[in-house]
Amino acid sequence: MHIEPNNGAIDFNAMSEPKLSNSSPDKSNASQLEAAKVAEQAERYNDMAEAMKKVVESGVVLTNEERNLLSVAYKNVMGACRTSWIKISSVEAKNEAVKQQQKRIVKEIRDICNEVLTLLHKFLIPKETNVESKVFYLKMEGDYYRYFSEVTTGDETLKMIKEAQRAYDEAINLSNANLLPTHPIRLGLALNYSVFLYEIINNPGSACRFAKQAFDDAIEDLDSLTEDSYKDTTLIMQLLRDNLVLWTTDMEE
C-alpha cells in the first residue's frame, strides 16, 4: 500500500479560494450541508456522501468547503471498500463464500466509481470556471478511474487506465500553467498521479521521477508559501518524500 493524504482526501478548507457568487445554497441545500457535516462528525460517510450528492445534483457551483465535503465523503466510503477488497483478496481459501464476498465488494466499488464520475461529468467539471476547482475535479476524476481499474479485467481495465491517464494529464497541464508548485492541489495531484504510475502503470522509475520533480519544484518555491496553505503543503511534501523513500528502497532490492 502506498501513501495518499488522509486516505486520499486532504482537507483544503484552510486554503484561500474565491467564493463563487452563484454557489449560495438554498434552504434545501443548507439542510443537506448541515446533514453532511453532522454525518462527518459521526463518521457516517455513506450518509455524508448521500447528502453531498443531493447538493451537487441541485446544480449549484460548489464552494471550497462544499467541494471538500464531497471529496472527503466519497473518499472515506471508497477507502472502506478498498480496504475490504484488499483483505478479502488476501484470504487463501477461495471458497464460494469468499468469492461471493469479493463480488459484492467489487460491485460496491464499481457503483461508487460510477456515481462519483457521473457527478463529475454531468454537474461539476462542465460548469466549473475556477482553475483550482477544475484541477481538483480532474484529479478526482483520475482517482476514481484509477480505483475502477483496480477491480476490472481485460479491455475494461485498459479503458479505465486510459481515462485515468487522460484526466490526470489534463489536470497536470492546467495545474502547471496556473498553480504555484507549492499549491496543495498541485502537490496532491502529483502525489496521486505518481501512485497511479507506480501501482497501475507499473512504472516505478516514472513514478519516482514525477514525485521527485514535484517535491524539488516545491522546495525551490517555498518562498511563495502562504500561512494559510502551509500545513497542507508541508504534509503532502512529506508524503511525497515518504513514497520516494519507499519506492527507491523497493527498486534497490
C-alpha atoms as a PDB file:
ATOM      1  CA  MET A   1       0.000   0.000   0.000  1.00  0.00           C
ATOM      2  CA  HIS A   2       1.294   3.439  -0.857  1.00  0.00           C
ATOM      3  CA  ILE A   3       0.502   6.649   0.884  1.00  0.00           C
ATOM      4  CA  GLU A   4      -2.102   9.217  -0.098  1.00  0.00           C
ATOM      5  CA  PRO A   5      -3.092  12.152   2.107  1.00  0.00           C
ATOM      6  CA  ASN A   6      -5.881  11.370   4.591  1.00  0.00           C
ATOM      7  CA  ASN A   7      -6.740   8.249   2.647  1.00  0.00           C
ATOM      8  CA  GLY A   8      -6.523  10.458  -0.458  1.00  0.00           C
ATOM      9  CA  ALA A   9      -8.725  13.318   0.764  1.00  0.00           C
ATOM     10  CA  ILE A  10      -6.833  16.358   2.009  1.00  0.00           C
ATOM     11  CA  ASP A  11      -8.973  18.963   3.716  1.00  0.00           C
ATOM     12  CA  PHE A  12      -8.266  22.133   1.747  1.00  0.00           C
ATOM     13  CA  ASN A  13     -10.553  24.340   3.840  1.00  0.00           C
ATOM     14  CA  ALA A  14      -7.615  26.403   5.084  1.00  0.00           C
ATOM     15  CA  MET A  15      -6.753  27.453   1.560  1.00  0.00           C
ATOM     16  CA  SER A  16      -7.671  30.845   0.203  1.00  0.00           C
ATOM     17  CA  GLU A  17     -10.086  30.216  -2.641  1.00  0.00           C
ATOM     18  CA  PRO A  18     -12.613  32.721  -4.011  1.00  0.00           C
ATOM     19  CA  LYS A  19     -16.224  32.062  -3.142  1.00  0.00           C
ATOM     20  CA  LEU A  20     -18.349  31.961  -6.278  1.00  0.00           C
ATOM     21  CA  SER A  21     -21.387  34.226  -6.299  1.00  0.00           C
ATOM     22  CA  ASN A  22     -23.825  31.631  -7.629  1.00  0.00           C
ATOM     23  CA  SER A  23     -22.973  28.971  -5.061  1.00  0.00           C
ATOM     24  CA  SER A  24     -25.009  30.182  -2.091  1.00  0.00           C
ATOM     25  CA  PRO A  25     -27.189  27.210  -1.124  1.00  0.00           C
ATOM     26  CA  ASP A  26     -30.955  27.449  -0.867  1.00  0.00           C
ATOM     27  CA  LYS A  27     -32.731  26.164   2.221  1.00  0.00           C
ATOM     28  CA  SER A  28     -32.739  22.590   0.945  1.00  0.00           C
ATOM     29  CA  ASN A  29     -29.016  22.659   0.232  1.00  0.00           C
ATOM     30  CA  ALA A  30     -28.302  24.325   3.572  1.00  0.00           C
ATOM     31  CA  SER A  31     -30.118  21.436   5.258  1.00  0.00           C
ATOM     32  CA  GLN A  32     -28.135  18.870   3.260  1.00  0.00           C
ATOM     33  CA  LEU A  33     -24.843  20.607   4.074  1.00  0.00           C
ATOM     34  CA  GLU A  34     -25.677  20.565   7.762  1.00  0.00           C
ATOM     35  CA  ALA A  35     -26.575  16.873   7.488  1.00  0.00           C
ATOM     36  CA  ALA A  36     -23.249  16.187   5.751  1.00  0.00           C
ATOM     37  CA  LYS A  37     -21.273  17.930   8.496  1.00  0.00           C
ATOM     38  CA  VAL A  38     -23.106  16.052  11.246  1.00  0.00           C
ATOM     39  CA  ALA A  39     -22.591  12.760   9.391  1.00  0.00           C
ATOM     40  CA  GLU A  40     -18.869  13.510   9.125  1.00  0.00           C
ATOM     41  CA  GLN A  41     -18.655  14.095  12.873  1.00  0.00           C
ATOM     42  CA  ALA A  42     -20.393  10.758  13.423  1.00  0.00           C
ATOM     43  CA  GLU A  43     -18.116   9.116  10.817  1.00  0.00           C
ATOM     44  CA  ARG A  44     -21.183   8.005   8.870  1.00  0.00           C
ATOM     45  CA  TYR A  45     -19.640   8.615   5.490  1.00  0.00           C
ATOM     46  CA  ASN A  46     -22.349   6.929   3.417  1.00  0.00           C
ATOM     47  CA  ASP A  47     -24.853   9.397   4.859  1.00  0.00           C
ATOM     48  CA  MET A  48     -22.401  12.225   4.250  1.00  0.00           C
ATOM     49  CA  ALA A  49     -21.950  11.188   0.619  1.00  0.00           C
ATOM     50  CA  GLU A  50     -25.708  10.939   0.070  1.00  0.00           C
ATOM     51  CA  ALA A  51     -26.230  14.455   1.425  1.00  0.00           C
ATOM     52  CA  MET A  52     -23.458  15.934  -0.730  1.00  0.00           C
ATOM     53  CA  LYS A  53     -24.745  14.069  -3.785  1.00  0.00           C
ATOM     54  CA  LYS A  54     -28.059  15.901  -3.385  1.00  0.00           C
ATOM     55  CA  VAL A  55     -26.244  19.238  -3.149  1.00  0.00           C
ATOM     56  CA  VAL A  56     -24.325  18.553  -6.369  1.00  0.00           C
ATOM     57  CA  GLU A  57     -27.469  17.386  -8.169  1.00  0.00           C
ATOM     58  CA  SER A  58     -29.177  20.675  -7.292  1.00  0.00           C
ATOM     59  CA  GLY A  59     -26.936  22.246  -9.920  1.00  0.00           C
ATOM     60  CA  VAL A  60     -25.049  24.797  -7.808  1.00  0.00           C
ATOM     61  CA  VAL A  61     -21.357  25.545  -8.282  1.00  0.00           C
ATOM     62  CA  LEU A  62     -19.733  24.279  -5.099  1.00  0.00           C
ATOM     63  CA  THR A  63     -17.805  26.495  -2.730  1.00  0.00           C
ATOM     64  CA  ASN A  64     -14.394  25.429  -1.461  1.00  0.00           C
ATOM     65  CA  GLU A  65     -15.963  23.993   1.691  1.00  0.00           C
ATOM     66  CA  GLU A  66     -18.700  22.133  -0.188  1.00  0.00           C
ATOM     67  CA  ARG A  67     -16.237  20.719  -2.678  1.00  0.00           C
ATOM     68  CA  ASN A  68     -14.123  19.287   0.103  1.00  0.00           C
ATOM     69  CA  LEU A  69     -17.095  17.860   1.977  1.00  0.00           C
ATOM     70  CA  LEU A  70     -17.951  15.973  -1.218  1.00  0.00           C
ATOM     71  CA  SER A  71     -14.408  14.710  -1.632  1.00  0.00           C
ATOM     72  CA  VAL A  72     -13.989  13.629   1.988  1.00  0.00           C
ATOM     73  CA  ALA A  73     -17.321  11.797   1.986  1.00  0.00           C
ATOM     74  CA  TYR A  74     -16.708   9.676  -1.087  1.00  0.00           C
ATOM     75  CA  LYS A  75     -13.043   9.101  -0.327  1.00  0.00           C
ATOM     76  CA  ASN A  76     -13.918   7.573   3.030  1.00  0.00           C
ATOM     77  CA  VAL A  77     -16.702   5.454   1.529  1.00  0.00           C
ATOM     78  CA  MET A  78     -14.304   4.251  -1.152  1.00  0.00           C
ATOM     79  CA  GLY A  79     -11.491   3.783   1.350  1.00  0.00           C
ATOM     80  CA  ALA A  80     -13.575   1.360   3.409  1.00  0.00           C
ATOM     81  CA  CYS A  81     -14.470  -0.653   0.300  1.00  0.00           C
ATOM     82  CA  ARG A  82     -10.878  -0.772  -0.935  1.00  0.00           C
ATOM     83  CA  THR A  83      -9.703  -1.956   2.483  1.00  0.00           C
ATOM     84  CA  SER A  84     -12.314  -4.738   2.393  1.00  0.00           C
ATOM     85  CA  TRP A  85     -11.211  -5.673  -1.129  1.00  0.00           C
ATOM     86  CA  ILE A  86      -7.557  -5.924  -0.079  1.00  0.00           C
ATOM     87  CA  LYS A  87      -8.406  -8.053   2.949  1.00  0.00           C
ATOM     88  CA  ILE A  88     -10.725 -10.459   1.114  1.00  0.00           C
ATOM     89  CA  SER A  89      -8.239 -10.777  -1.756  1.00  0.00           C
ATOM     90  CA  SER A  90      -5.567 -11.921   0.702  1.00  0.00           C
ATOM     91  CA  VAL A  91      -7.708 -14.794   2.011  1.00  0.00           C
ATOM     92  CA  GLU A  92      -6.055 -18.007   0.874  1.00  0.00           C
ATOM     93  CA  ALA A  93      -9.177 -20.171   0.890  1.00  0.00           C
ATOM     94  CA  LYS A  94     -11.062 -19.234  -2.288  1.00  0.00           C
ATOM     95  CA  ASN A  95     -14.298 -20.998  -1.375  1.00  0.00           C
ATOM     96  CA  GLU A  96     -17.755 -19.951  -2.540  1.00  0.00           C
ATOM     97  CA  ALA A  97     -18.339 -17.665   0.451  1.00  0.00           C
ATOM     98  CA  VAL A  98     -15.125 -15.768  -0.274  1.00  0.00           C
ATOM     99  CA  LYS A  99     -15.982 -15.473  -3.964  1.00  0.00           C
ATOM    100  CA  GLN A 100     -19.443 -14.116  -3.197  1.00  0.00           C
ATOM    101  CA  GLN A 101     -17.997 -11.570  -0.794  1.00  0.00           C
ATOM    102  CA  GLN A 102     -15.496 -10.498  -3.450  1.00  0.00           C
ATOM    103  CA  LYS A 103     -18.317  -9.993  -5.949  1.00  0.00           C
ATOM    104  CA  ARG A 104     -20.276  -7.847  -3.508  1.00  0.00           C
ATOM    105  CA  ILE A 105     -17.274  -5.652  -2.753  1.00  0.00           C
ATOM    106  CA  VAL A 106     -16.405  -5.250  -6.430  1.00  0.00           C
ATOM    107  CA  LYS A 107     -19.985  -4.215  -7.173  1.00  0.00           C
ATOM    108  CA  GLU A 108     -19.868  -1.643  -4.373  1.00  0.00           C
ATOM    109  CA  ILE A 109     -16.608  -0.182  -5.700  1.00  0.00           C
ATOM    110  CA  ARG A 110     -17.935  -0.037  -9.242  1.00  0.00           C
ATOM    111  CA  ASP A 111     -21.170   1.609  -8.069  1.00  0.00           C
ATOM    112  CA  ILE A 112     -19.274   4.256  -6.092  1.00  0.00           C
ATOM    113  CA  CYS A 113     -16.970   4.993  -9.022  1.00  0.00           C
ATOM    114  CA  ASN A 114     -19.900   5.302 -11.422  1.00  0.00           C
ATOM    115  CA  GLU A 115     -21.744   7.584  -9.005  1.00  0.00           C
ATOM    116  CA  VAL A 116     -18.791   9.929  -8.494  1.00  0.00           C
ATOM    117  CA  LEU A 117     -17.869  10.009 -12.179  1.00  0.00           C
ATOM    118  CA  THR A 118     -21.469  10.828 -13.100  1.00  0.00           C
ATOM    119  CA  LEU A 119     -21.464  13.764 -10.676  1.00  0.00           C
ATOM    120  CA  LEU A 120     -18.171  14.986 -12.110  1.00  0.00           C
ATOM    121  CA  HIS A 121     -19.157  14.617 -15.762  1.00  0.00           C
ATOM    122  CA  LYS A 122     -22.746  15.848 -15.510  1.00  0.00           C
ATOM    123  CA  PHE A 123     -22.596  18.587 -12.876  1.00  0.00           C
ATOM    124  CA  LEU A 124     -19.124  19.609 -11.730  1.00  0.00           C
ATOM    125  CA  ILE A 125     -16.475  19.660 -14.453  1.00  0.00           C
ATOM    126  CA  PRO A 126     -18.529  21.199 -17.312  1.00  0.00           C
ATOM    127  CA  LYS A 127     -19.659  24.293 -15.405  1.00  0.00           C
ATOM    128  CA  GLU A 128     -16.522  24.964 -13.337  1.00  0.00           C
ATOM    129  CA  THR A 129     -14.596  28.122 -14.300  1.00  0.00           C
ATOM    130  CA  ASN A 130     -12.334  28.405 -11.256  1.00  0.00           C
ATOM    131  CA  VAL A 131      -8.932  26.909 -12.132  1.00  0.00           C
ATOM    132  CA  GLU A 132      -8.221  25.472  -8.687  1.00  0.00           C
ATOM    133  CA  SER A 133     -11.567  23.707  -8.568  1.00  0.00           C
ATOM    134  CA  LYS A 134     -11.199  22.493 -12.155  1.00  0.00           C
ATOM    135  CA  VAL A 135      -7.846  20.876 -11.331  1.00  0.00           C
ATOM    136  CA  PHE A 136      -9.353  19.402  -8.166  1.00  0.00           C
ATOM    137  CA  TYR A 137     -12.237  17.786 -10.068  1.00  0.00           C
ATOM    138  CA  LEU A 138      -9.993  16.479 -12.863  1.00  0.00           C
ATOM    139  CA  LYS A 139      -7.702  14.934 -10.246  1.00  0.00           C
ATOM    140  CA  MET A 140     -10.768  13.394  -8.607  1.00  0.00           C
ATOM    141  CA  GLU A 141     -11.838  12.029 -11.999  1.00  0.00           C
ATOM    142  CA  GLY A 142      -8.425  10.425 -12.487  1.00  0.00           C
ATOM    143  CA  ASP A 143      -8.524   8.948  -8.990  1.00  0.00           C
ATOM    144  CA  TYR A 144     -11.906   7.247  -9.458  1.00  0.00           C
ATOM    145  CA  TYR A 145     -10.982   5.842 -12.847  1.00  0.00           C
ATOM    146  CA  ARG A 146      -7.861   4.508 -11.107  1.00  0.00           C
ATOM    147  CA  TYR A 147      -9.955   2.846  -8.405  1.00  0.00           C
ATOM    148  CA  PHE A 148     -12.231   1.461 -11.124  1.00  0.00           C
ATOM    149  CA  SER A 149      -9.239  -0.070 -12.915  1.00  0.00           C
ATOM    150  CA  GLU A 150      -8.259  -1.983  -9.770  1.00  0.00           C
ATOM    151  CA  VAL A 151     -11.408  -4.141  -9.885  1.00  0.00           C
ATOM    152  CA  THR A 152     -11.762  -4.689 -13.625  1.00  0.00           C
ATOM    153  CA  THR A 153     -10.117  -7.047 -16.100  1.00  0.00           C
ATOM    154  CA  GLY A 154      -9.092  -7.152 -19.744  1.00  0.00           C
ATOM    155  CA  ASP A 155     -10.282  -4.433 -22.106  1.00  0.00           C
ATOM    156  CA  GLU A 156     -12.312  -2.748 -19.379  1.00  0.00           C
ATOM    157  CA  THR A 157      -9.175  -2.269 -17.295  1.00  0.00           C
ATOM    158  CA  LEU A 158      -7.340  -0.768 -20.263  1.00  0.00           C
ATOM    159  CA  LYS A 159     -10.249   1.614 -20.839  1.00  0.00           C
ATOM    160  CA  MET A 160     -10.245   2.775 -17.215  1.00  0.00           C
ATOM    161  CA  ILE A 161      -6.477   3.278 -17.242  1.00  0.00           C
ATOM    162  CA  LYS A 162      -6.734   5.305 -20.447  1.00  0.00           C
ATOM    163  CA  GLU A 163      -9.460   7.501 -18.962  1.00  0.00           C
ATOM    164  CA  ALA A 164      -7.476   7.984 -15.755  1.00  0.00           C
ATOM    165  CA  GLN A 165      -4.398   8.993 -17.755  1.00  0.00           C
ATOM    166  CA  ARG A 166      -6.458  11.483 -19.782  1.00  0.00           C
ATOM    167  CA  ALA A 167      -7.935  13.102 -16.682  1.00  0.00           C
ATOM    168  CA  TYR A 168      -4.596  13.273 -14.882  1.00  0.00           C
ATOM    169  CA  ASP A 169      -2.880  14.715 -17.978  1.00  0.00           C
ATOM    170  CA  GLU A 170      -5.490  17.452 -18.304  1.00  0.00           C
ATOM    171  CA  ALA A 171      -5.228  18.251 -14.605  1.00  0.00           C
ATOM    172  CA  ILE A 172      -1.425  18.352 -14.722  1.00  0.00           C
ATOM    173  CA  ASN A 173      -1.334  20.652 -17.748  1.00  0.00           C
ATOM    174  CA  LEU A 174      -3.851  23.033 -16.182  1.00  0.00           C
ATOM    175  CA  SER A 175      -2.114  22.892 -12.821  1.00  0.00           C
ATOM    176  CA  ASN A 176       1.377  23.538 -14.180  1.00  0.00           C
ATOM    177  CA  ALA A 177       0.133  26.534 -16.153  1.00  0.00           C
ATOM    178  CA  ASN A 178      -1.848  28.157 -13.345  1.00  0.00           C
ATOM    179  CA  LEU A 179      -0.906  26.942  -9.861  1.00  0.00           C
ATOM    180  CA  LEU A 180       2.300  27.503  -7.916  1.00  0.00           C
ATOM    181  CA  PRO A 181       4.500  24.431  -7.224  1.00  0.00           C
ATOM    182  CA  THR A 182       3.650  24.783  -3.519  1.00  0.00           C
ATOM    183  CA  HIS A 183      -0.109  24.846  -4.092  1.00  0.00           C
ATOM    184  CA  PRO A 184      -1.685  21.953  -2.137  1.00  0.00           C
ATOM    185  CA  ILE A 185      -3.950  20.959  -5.029  1.00  0.00           C
ATOM    186  CA  ARG A 186      -0.994  20.782  -7.429  1.00  0.00           C
ATOM    187  CA  LEU A 187       1.027  18.762  -4.913  1.00  0.00           C
ATOM    188  CA  GLY A 188      -1.919  16.457  -4.137  1.00  0.00           C
ATOM    189  CA  LEU A 189      -2.289  15.824  -7.842  1.00  0.00           C
ATOM    190  CA  ALA A 190       1.415  14.995  -8.130  1.00  0.00           C
ATOM    191  CA  LEU A 191       1.144  12.605  -5.193  1.00  0.00           C
ATOM    192  CA  ASN A 192      -1.826  10.697  -6.585  1.00  0.00           C
ATOM    193  CA  TYR A 193      -0.546  10.635 -10.159  1.00  0.00           C
ATOM    194  CA  SER A 194       2.787   9.215  -9.016  1.00  0.00           C
ATOM    195  CA  VAL A 195       0.859   6.476  -7.157  1.00  0.00           C
ATOM    196  CA  PHE A 196      -1.013   5.794 -10.412  1.00  0.00           C
ATOM    197  CA  LEU A 197       2.297   5.455 -12.268  1.00  0.00           C
ATOM    198  CA  TYR A 198       3.709   3.133  -9.619  1.00  0.00           C
ATOM    199  CA  GLU A 199       0.738   0.900  -8.840  1.00  0.00           C
ATOM    200  CA  ILE A 200      -1.337   0.882 -12.028  1.00  0.00           C
ATOM    201  CA  ILE A 201       1.102   1.615 -14.854  1.00  0.00           C
ATOM    202  CA  ASN A 202       3.786  -0.379 -13.011  1.00  0.00           C
ATOM    203  CA  ASN A 203       6.489   2.151 -13.860  1.00  0.00           C
ATOM    204  CA  PRO A 204       8.489   2.827 -10.667  1.00  0.00           C
ATOM    205  CA  GLY A 205      11.066   4.932 -12.487  1.00  0.00           C
ATOM    206  CA  SER A 206       8.496   7.358 -13.872  1.00  0.00           C
ATOM    207  CA  ALA A 207       6.669   7.453 -10.538  1.00  0.00           C
ATOM    208  CA  CYS A 208       9.854   8.394  -8.687  1.00  0.00           C
ATOM    209  CA  ARG A 209      10.881  10.988 -11.253  1.00  0.00           C
ATOM    210  CA  PHE A 210       7.467  12.650 -11.221  1.00  0.00           C
ATOM    211  CA  ALA A 211       7.234  12.696  -7.428  1.00  0.00           C
ATOM    212  CA  LYS A 212      10.806  13.986  -7.060  1.00  0.00           C
ATOM    213  CA  GLN A 213      10.237  16.764  -9.609  1.00  0.00           C
ATOM    214  CA  ALA A 214       7.116  17.909  -7.782  1.00  0.00           C
ATOM    215  CA  PHE A 215       8.949  17.831  -4.447  1.00  0.00           C
ATOM    216  CA  ASP A 216      12.009  19.668  -5.787  1.00  0.00           C
ATOM    217  CA  ASP A 217       9.870  22.314  -7.507  1.00  0.00           C
ATOM    218  CA  ALA A 218       8.033  22.948  -4.247  1.00  0.00           C
ATOM    219  CA  ILE A 219      11.307  23.215  -2.309  1.00  0.00           C
ATOM    220  CA  GLU A 220      12.594  25.816  -4.757  1.00  0.00           C
ATOM    221  CA  ASP A 221       9.381  27.820  -4.450  1.00  0.00           C
ATOM    222  CA  LEU A 222       8.920  27.701  -0.674  1.00  0.00           C
ATOM    223  CA  ASP A 223       9.150  31.497  -0.507  1.00  0.00           C
ATOM    224  CA  SER A 224       5.734  31.623  -2.182  1.00  0.00           C
ATOM    225  CA  LEU A 225       4.137  29.503   0.544  1.00  0.00           C
ATOM    226  CA  THR A 226       1.350  31.293   2.390  1.00  0.00           C
ATOM    227  CA  GLU A 227       0.498  30.772   6.029  1.00  0.00           C
ATOM    228  CA  ASP A 228      -2.964  29.526   5.051  1.00  0.00           C
ATOM    229  CA  SER A 229      -1.652  26.647   2.948  1.00  0.00           C
ATOM    230  CA  TYR A 230       1.493  25.845   4.980  1.00  0.00           C
ATOM    231  CA  LYS A 231       0.027  22.850   6.827  1.00  0.00           C
ATOM    232  CA  ASP A 232      -1.470  21.174   3.735  1.00  0.00           C
ATOM    233  CA  THR A 233       1.589  21.844   1.580  1.00  0.00           C
ATOM    234  CA  THR A 234       4.145  20.502   4.047  1.00  0.00           C
ATOM    235  CA  LEU A 235       2.003  17.426   4.759  1.00  0.00           C
ATOM    236  CA  ILE A 236       1.805  16.470   1.084  1.00  0.00           C
ATOM    237  CA  MET A 237       5.519  17.174   0.595  1.00  0.00           C
ATOM    238  CA  GLN A 238       6.230  14.760   3.448  1.00  0.00           C
ATOM    239  CA  LEU A 239       4.013  12.114   1.826  1.00  0.00           C
ATOM    240  CA  LEU A 240       5.806  12.574  -1.498  1.00  0.00           C
ATOM    241  CA  ARG A 241       9.136  12.113   0.263  1.00  0.00           C
ATOM    242  CA  ASP A 242       7.882   9.053   2.161  1.00  0.00           C
ATOM    243  CA  ASN A 243       6.772   7.417  -1.089  1.00  0.00           C
ATOM    244  CA  LEU A 244      10.083   8.258  -2.753  1.00  0.00           C
ATOM    245  CA  VAL A 245      11.992   6.576   0.071  1.00  0.00           C
ATOM    246  CA  LEU A 246       9.726   3.511  -0.056  1.00  0.00           C
ATOM    247  CA  TRP A 247       9.799   3.182  -3.835  1.00  0.00           C
ATOM    248  CA  THR A 248      13.543   3.761  -4.115  1.00  0.00           C
ATOM    249  CA  THR A 249      14.147   1.075  -1.494  1.00  0.00           C
ATOM    250  CA  ASP A 250      11.860  -1.353  -3.358  1.00  0.00           C
ATOM    251  CA  MET A 251      13.705  -0.700  -6.628  1.00  0.00           C
ATOM    252  CA  GLU A 252      17.078  -1.360  -4.998  1.00  0.00           C
ATOM    253  CA  GLU A 253      16.027  -4.721  -3.533  1.00  0.00           C
END
